[in-house]
N, C-alpha and C. Protein backbone atom coordinates (compact mmCIF):
# COMPACT_ATOMS: atom_id res chain seq x y z
N UNK A 1 211.50 -3.28 -27.09
CA UNK A 1 211.48 -2.35 -25.98
C UNK A 1 212.70 -1.43 -26.03
N UNK A 2 213.85 -1.98 -26.43
CA UNK A 2 215.06 -1.17 -26.47
C UNK A 2 214.93 -0.06 -27.51
N UNK A 3 214.33 -0.37 -28.65
CA UNK A 3 214.13 0.64 -29.69
C UNK A 3 213.21 1.75 -29.19
N UNK A 4 212.15 1.37 -28.51
CA UNK A 4 211.25 2.36 -27.90
C UNK A 4 212.02 3.24 -26.94
N UNK A 5 212.84 2.62 -26.14
CA UNK A 5 213.64 3.36 -25.17
C UNK A 5 214.56 4.36 -25.86
N UNK A 6 215.31 3.90 -26.84
CA UNK A 6 216.27 4.77 -27.52
C UNK A 6 215.61 5.99 -28.16
N UNK A 7 214.45 5.80 -28.73
CA UNK A 7 213.78 6.88 -29.45
C UNK A 7 213.02 7.84 -28.53
N UNK A 8 212.66 7.40 -27.34
CA UNK A 8 211.76 8.21 -26.51
C UNK A 8 212.26 8.50 -25.10
N UNK A 9 213.42 8.02 -24.73
CA UNK A 9 213.89 8.17 -23.35
C UNK A 9 213.89 9.62 -22.88
N UNK A 10 214.22 10.53 -23.77
CA UNK A 10 214.30 11.94 -23.38
C UNK A 10 212.94 12.53 -23.03
N UNK A 11 211.87 11.94 -23.52
CA UNK A 11 210.54 12.51 -23.29
C UNK A 11 209.75 11.81 -22.18
N UNK A 12 210.31 10.80 -21.55
CA UNK A 12 209.58 10.08 -20.51
C UNK A 12 209.48 10.91 -19.23
N UNK A 13 208.34 10.78 -18.56
CA UNK A 13 208.15 11.43 -17.27
C UNK A 13 208.91 10.66 -16.19
N UNK A 14 208.98 11.23 -15.01
CA UNK A 14 209.64 10.56 -13.88
C UNK A 14 208.97 9.22 -13.59
N UNK A 15 207.65 9.19 -13.63
CA UNK A 15 206.91 7.94 -13.37
C UNK A 15 207.24 6.88 -14.42
N UNK A 16 207.33 7.30 -15.66
CA UNK A 16 207.67 6.36 -16.73
C UNK A 16 209.11 5.86 -16.57
N UNK A 17 210.02 6.75 -16.21
CA UNK A 17 211.40 6.33 -15.97
C UNK A 17 211.48 5.34 -14.82
N UNK A 18 210.68 5.56 -13.78
CA UNK A 18 210.66 4.62 -12.65
C UNK A 18 210.16 3.26 -13.10
N UNK A 19 209.16 3.26 -13.98
CA UNK A 19 208.65 1.98 -14.50
C UNK A 19 209.75 1.27 -15.30
N UNK A 20 210.43 1.99 -16.17
CA UNK A 20 211.50 1.39 -16.97
C UNK A 20 212.67 0.94 -16.10
N UNK A 21 212.90 1.63 -15.00
CA UNK A 21 214.01 1.24 -14.12
C UNK A 21 213.78 -0.14 -13.50
N UNK A 22 212.52 -0.57 -13.46
CA UNK A 22 212.20 -1.91 -12.96
C UNK A 22 212.60 -3.02 -13.92
N UNK A 23 213.05 -2.65 -15.11
CA UNK A 23 213.46 -3.67 -16.10
C UNK A 23 214.62 -4.51 -15.60
N UNK A 24 215.49 -3.92 -14.78
CA UNK A 24 216.61 -4.71 -14.28
C UNK A 24 216.13 -5.81 -13.33
N UNK A 25 215.11 -5.50 -12.53
CA UNK A 25 214.55 -6.53 -11.64
C UNK A 25 213.93 -7.66 -12.46
N UNK A 26 213.19 -7.27 -13.50
CA UNK A 26 212.58 -8.27 -14.37
C UNK A 26 213.64 -9.10 -15.07
N UNK A 27 214.73 -8.47 -15.49
CA UNK A 27 215.84 -9.19 -16.13
C UNK A 27 216.42 -10.22 -15.16
N UNK A 28 216.54 -9.85 -13.91
CA UNK A 28 217.06 -10.79 -12.91
C UNK A 28 216.16 -12.00 -12.75
N UNK A 29 214.85 -11.76 -12.76
CA UNK A 29 213.91 -12.89 -12.65
C UNK A 29 214.01 -13.79 -13.88
N UNK A 30 214.11 -13.18 -15.07
CA UNK A 30 214.24 -13.97 -16.30
C UNK A 30 215.53 -14.78 -16.30
N UNK A 31 216.61 -14.16 -15.85
CA UNK A 31 217.89 -14.87 -15.79
C UNK A 31 217.81 -16.07 -14.85
N UNK A 32 217.15 -15.88 -13.72
CA UNK A 32 216.98 -16.98 -12.77
C UNK A 32 216.14 -18.10 -13.36
N UNK A 33 215.05 -17.73 -14.05
CA UNK A 33 214.21 -18.74 -14.71
C UNK A 33 214.99 -19.48 -15.79
N UNK A 34 215.76 -18.74 -16.57
CA UNK A 34 216.55 -19.37 -17.63
C UNK A 34 217.59 -20.30 -17.04
N UNK A 35 218.18 -19.91 -15.94
CA UNK A 35 219.14 -20.78 -15.26
C UNK A 35 218.49 -22.10 -14.86
N UNK A 36 217.28 -22.03 -14.32
CA UNK A 36 216.56 -23.24 -13.93
C UNK A 36 216.27 -24.13 -15.14
N UNK A 37 215.88 -23.51 -16.25
CA UNK A 37 215.59 -24.28 -17.47
C UNK A 37 216.86 -24.96 -17.97
N UNK A 38 217.96 -24.23 -18.02
CA UNK A 38 219.21 -24.80 -18.52
C UNK A 38 219.69 -25.92 -17.61
N UNK A 39 219.53 -25.73 -16.32
CA UNK A 39 219.92 -26.79 -15.37
C UNK A 39 219.08 -28.05 -15.59
N UNK A 40 217.77 -27.86 -15.80
CA UNK A 40 216.90 -29.00 -16.08
C UNK A 40 217.28 -29.69 -17.37
N UNK A 41 217.62 -28.92 -18.38
CA UNK A 41 218.06 -29.52 -19.64
C UNK A 41 219.35 -30.30 -19.46
N UNK A 42 220.25 -29.75 -18.67
CA UNK A 42 221.49 -30.48 -18.38
C UNK A 42 221.21 -31.82 -17.73
N UNK A 43 220.24 -31.84 -16.83
CA UNK A 43 219.87 -33.11 -16.18
C UNK A 43 219.26 -34.08 -17.19
N UNK A 44 218.40 -33.59 -18.07
CA UNK A 44 217.80 -34.46 -19.10
C UNK A 44 218.87 -35.07 -20.00
N UNK A 45 219.79 -34.23 -20.45
CA UNK A 45 220.85 -34.70 -21.34
C UNK A 45 221.75 -35.69 -20.62
N UNK A 46 222.09 -35.38 -19.39
CA UNK A 46 222.94 -36.27 -18.61
C UNK A 46 222.27 -37.62 -18.39
N UNK A 47 220.99 -37.59 -18.07
CA UNK A 47 220.24 -38.83 -17.82
C UNK A 47 220.14 -39.66 -19.11
N UNK A 48 219.88 -39.00 -20.22
CA UNK A 48 219.84 -39.72 -21.49
C UNK A 48 221.18 -40.36 -21.80
N UNK A 49 222.26 -39.62 -21.55
CA UNK A 49 223.59 -40.16 -21.82
C UNK A 49 223.90 -41.35 -20.96
N UNK A 50 223.53 -41.29 -19.69
CA UNK A 50 223.78 -42.42 -18.78
C UNK A 50 222.95 -43.63 -19.17
N UNK A 51 221.71 -43.40 -19.58
CA UNK A 51 220.84 -44.52 -19.96
C UNK A 51 221.26 -45.13 -21.28
N UNK A 52 221.74 -44.31 -22.22
CA UNK A 52 222.13 -44.86 -23.52
C UNK A 52 223.40 -45.69 -23.41
N UNK A 53 224.20 -45.45 -22.38
CA UNK A 53 225.41 -46.24 -22.16
C UNK A 53 225.09 -47.59 -21.54
N UNK A 54 223.89 -47.74 -20.99
CA UNK A 54 223.47 -49.01 -20.40
C UNK A 54 223.03 -49.95 -21.53
N UNK A 55 223.95 -50.77 -21.99
CA UNK A 55 223.70 -51.65 -23.14
C UNK A 55 222.67 -52.73 -22.83
N UNK A 56 222.45 -53.03 -21.56
CA UNK A 56 221.54 -54.11 -21.20
C UNK A 56 220.07 -53.69 -21.27
N UNK A 57 219.80 -52.38 -21.11
CA UNK A 57 218.40 -51.97 -21.09
C UNK A 57 218.23 -50.62 -21.80
N UNK A 58 218.23 -50.65 -23.13
CA UNK A 58 218.10 -49.43 -23.93
C UNK A 58 216.71 -48.81 -23.80
N UNK A 59 215.72 -49.55 -23.34
CA UNK A 59 214.37 -49.01 -23.23
C UNK A 59 214.28 -47.93 -22.15
N UNK A 60 215.29 -47.83 -21.30
CA UNK A 60 215.30 -46.81 -20.27
C UNK A 60 215.60 -45.42 -20.82
N UNK A 61 216.19 -45.35 -22.03
CA UNK A 61 216.59 -44.06 -22.60
C UNK A 61 215.35 -43.28 -23.05
N UNK A 62 215.18 -42.08 -22.54
CA UNK A 62 214.02 -41.27 -22.87
C UNK A 62 214.16 -40.59 -24.23
N UNK A 63 215.37 -40.45 -24.72
CA UNK A 63 215.65 -39.77 -25.99
C UNK A 63 214.93 -38.43 -26.05
N UNK A 64 215.27 -37.55 -25.12
CA UNK A 64 214.62 -36.26 -25.02
C UNK A 64 214.82 -35.37 -26.24
N UNK A 65 215.93 -35.52 -26.92
CA UNK A 65 216.19 -34.76 -28.14
C UNK A 65 216.20 -35.73 -29.30
N UNK A 66 215.05 -35.84 -29.96
CA UNK A 66 214.89 -36.86 -30.98
C UNK A 66 215.17 -36.36 -32.39
N UNK A 67 215.08 -35.07 -32.61
CA UNK A 67 215.30 -34.51 -33.94
C UNK A 67 216.61 -33.73 -33.95
N UNK A 68 217.27 -33.72 -35.11
CA UNK A 68 218.51 -32.95 -35.20
C UNK A 68 218.24 -31.45 -35.14
N UNK A 69 216.99 -31.04 -35.20
CA UNK A 69 216.62 -29.63 -35.07
C UNK A 69 216.42 -29.20 -33.61
N UNK A 70 216.24 -30.16 -32.73
CA UNK A 70 215.91 -29.84 -31.33
C UNK A 70 216.99 -29.01 -30.64
N UNK A 71 218.22 -29.44 -30.72
CA UNK A 71 219.29 -28.75 -29.98
C UNK A 71 219.58 -27.37 -30.57
N UNK A 72 219.72 -27.21 -31.91
CA UNK A 72 219.93 -25.85 -32.41
C UNK A 72 218.79 -24.90 -32.04
N UNK A 73 217.54 -25.35 -32.12
CA UNK A 73 216.41 -24.50 -31.76
C UNK A 73 216.48 -24.10 -30.29
N UNK A 74 216.86 -25.03 -29.46
CA UNK A 74 217.00 -24.76 -28.03
C UNK A 74 218.10 -23.73 -27.78
N UNK A 75 219.24 -23.90 -28.45
CA UNK A 75 220.34 -22.97 -28.26
C UNK A 75 220.01 -21.58 -28.81
N UNK A 76 219.27 -21.52 -29.93
CA UNK A 76 218.84 -20.22 -30.46
C UNK A 76 217.90 -19.53 -29.47
N UNK A 77 217.01 -20.31 -28.87
CA UNK A 77 216.10 -19.75 -27.86
C UNK A 77 216.88 -19.18 -26.67
N UNK A 78 217.87 -19.92 -26.21
CA UNK A 78 218.68 -19.46 -25.08
C UNK A 78 219.42 -18.18 -25.45
N UNK A 79 219.98 -18.13 -26.66
CA UNK A 79 220.69 -16.93 -27.11
C UNK A 79 219.75 -15.72 -27.17
N UNK A 80 218.54 -15.91 -27.72
CA UNK A 80 217.56 -14.81 -27.78
C UNK A 80 217.16 -14.37 -26.38
N UNK A 81 217.00 -15.32 -25.49
CA UNK A 81 216.63 -14.99 -24.11
C UNK A 81 217.72 -14.15 -23.44
N UNK A 82 218.97 -14.54 -23.63
CA UNK A 82 220.07 -13.77 -23.05
C UNK A 82 220.16 -12.38 -23.66
N UNK A 83 219.89 -12.27 -24.96
CA UNK A 83 219.88 -10.97 -25.62
C UNK A 83 218.78 -10.08 -25.03
N UNK A 84 217.60 -10.65 -24.80
CA UNK A 84 216.50 -9.90 -24.19
C UNK A 84 216.84 -9.46 -22.77
N UNK A 85 217.45 -10.34 -22.03
CA UNK A 85 217.86 -10.01 -20.65
C UNK A 85 218.86 -8.86 -20.67
N UNK A 86 219.83 -8.92 -21.58
CA UNK A 86 220.82 -7.85 -21.69
C UNK A 86 220.15 -6.52 -22.04
N UNK A 87 219.19 -6.55 -22.96
CA UNK A 87 218.47 -5.33 -23.33
C UNK A 87 217.70 -4.75 -22.16
N UNK A 88 217.06 -5.61 -21.38
CA UNK A 88 216.33 -5.14 -20.19
C UNK A 88 217.27 -4.49 -19.18
N UNK A 89 218.43 -5.08 -19.01
CA UNK A 89 219.41 -4.52 -18.07
C UNK A 89 219.87 -3.14 -18.55
N UNK A 90 220.14 -3.02 -19.85
CA UNK A 90 220.58 -1.73 -20.39
C UNK A 90 219.51 -0.66 -20.22
N UNK A 91 218.27 -1.00 -20.53
CA UNK A 91 217.18 -0.03 -20.39
C UNK A 91 216.99 0.34 -18.92
N UNK A 92 216.96 -0.66 -18.06
CA UNK A 92 216.77 -0.39 -16.63
C UNK A 92 217.88 0.46 -16.04
N UNK A 93 219.12 0.14 -16.40
CA UNK A 93 220.25 0.92 -15.89
C UNK A 93 220.22 2.35 -16.42
N UNK A 94 219.87 2.51 -17.69
CA UNK A 94 219.79 3.84 -18.27
C UNK A 94 218.69 4.66 -17.60
N UNK A 95 217.54 4.03 -17.34
CA UNK A 95 216.45 4.73 -16.66
C UNK A 95 216.87 5.14 -15.25
N UNK A 96 217.54 4.26 -14.55
CA UNK A 96 218.01 4.59 -13.19
C UNK A 96 218.99 5.75 -13.23
N UNK A 97 219.86 5.75 -14.25
CA UNK A 97 220.83 6.83 -14.38
C UNK A 97 220.13 8.15 -14.68
N UNK A 98 219.11 8.12 -15.54
CA UNK A 98 218.36 9.35 -15.85
C UNK A 98 217.63 9.87 -14.61
N UNK A 99 217.15 8.98 -13.76
CA UNK A 99 216.48 9.40 -12.53
C UNK A 99 217.48 9.98 -11.53
N UNK A 100 218.65 9.37 -11.43
CA UNK A 100 219.64 9.81 -10.45
C UNK A 100 220.36 11.09 -10.87
N UNK A 101 220.56 11.27 -12.18
CA UNK A 101 221.33 12.42 -12.68
C UNK A 101 220.62 13.11 -13.84
N UNK A 102 219.43 13.65 -13.60
CA UNK A 102 218.68 14.27 -14.71
C UNK A 102 219.40 15.45 -15.35
N UNK A 103 220.24 16.13 -14.56
CA UNK A 103 220.96 17.29 -15.11
C UNK A 103 221.91 16.90 -16.24
N UNK A 104 222.46 15.72 -16.20
CA UNK A 104 223.36 15.25 -17.28
C UNK A 104 222.62 15.19 -18.61
N UNK A 105 221.39 14.76 -18.55
CA UNK A 105 220.63 14.53 -19.78
C UNK A 105 219.99 15.81 -20.29
N UNK A 106 219.68 16.73 -19.41
CA UNK A 106 219.13 18.02 -19.86
C UNK A 106 220.14 18.77 -20.71
N UNK A 107 221.40 18.72 -20.31
CA UNK A 107 222.46 19.38 -21.06
C UNK A 107 222.64 18.77 -22.43
N UNK A 108 222.68 17.46 -22.50
CA UNK A 108 222.89 16.75 -23.76
C UNK A 108 221.71 16.94 -24.69
N UNK A 109 220.51 16.87 -24.18
CA UNK A 109 219.31 16.96 -25.00
C UNK A 109 219.06 18.37 -25.52
N UNK A 110 219.61 19.37 -24.83
CA UNK A 110 219.40 20.75 -25.29
C UNK A 110 220.37 21.16 -26.40
N UNK A 111 221.37 20.36 -26.66
CA UNK A 111 222.36 20.69 -27.72
C UNK A 111 221.78 20.61 -29.08
């Protein structure tokens, strides 16, 4: 989406700019969802750690992360999600700026 924005922002109509300006709202929703996911993961990891320390009853441990690939894949997913959220914020803010100050961009684009 960011590449589309960079290459075509100058040619978007007011309605299209308004649509892109909503990207910041969407980014906020994604950030909130990601926060919930990370919090849930923290609880899973914490619970596994507490159960694995209970030497009397190891069967209680859920072992939520069973493969050595699980945690890196999870962290890569979180990093990509944050990168996408940042891109949405940049596009949304740029669209809002173009709507609020169109004269700034007319001058630059005519050069």
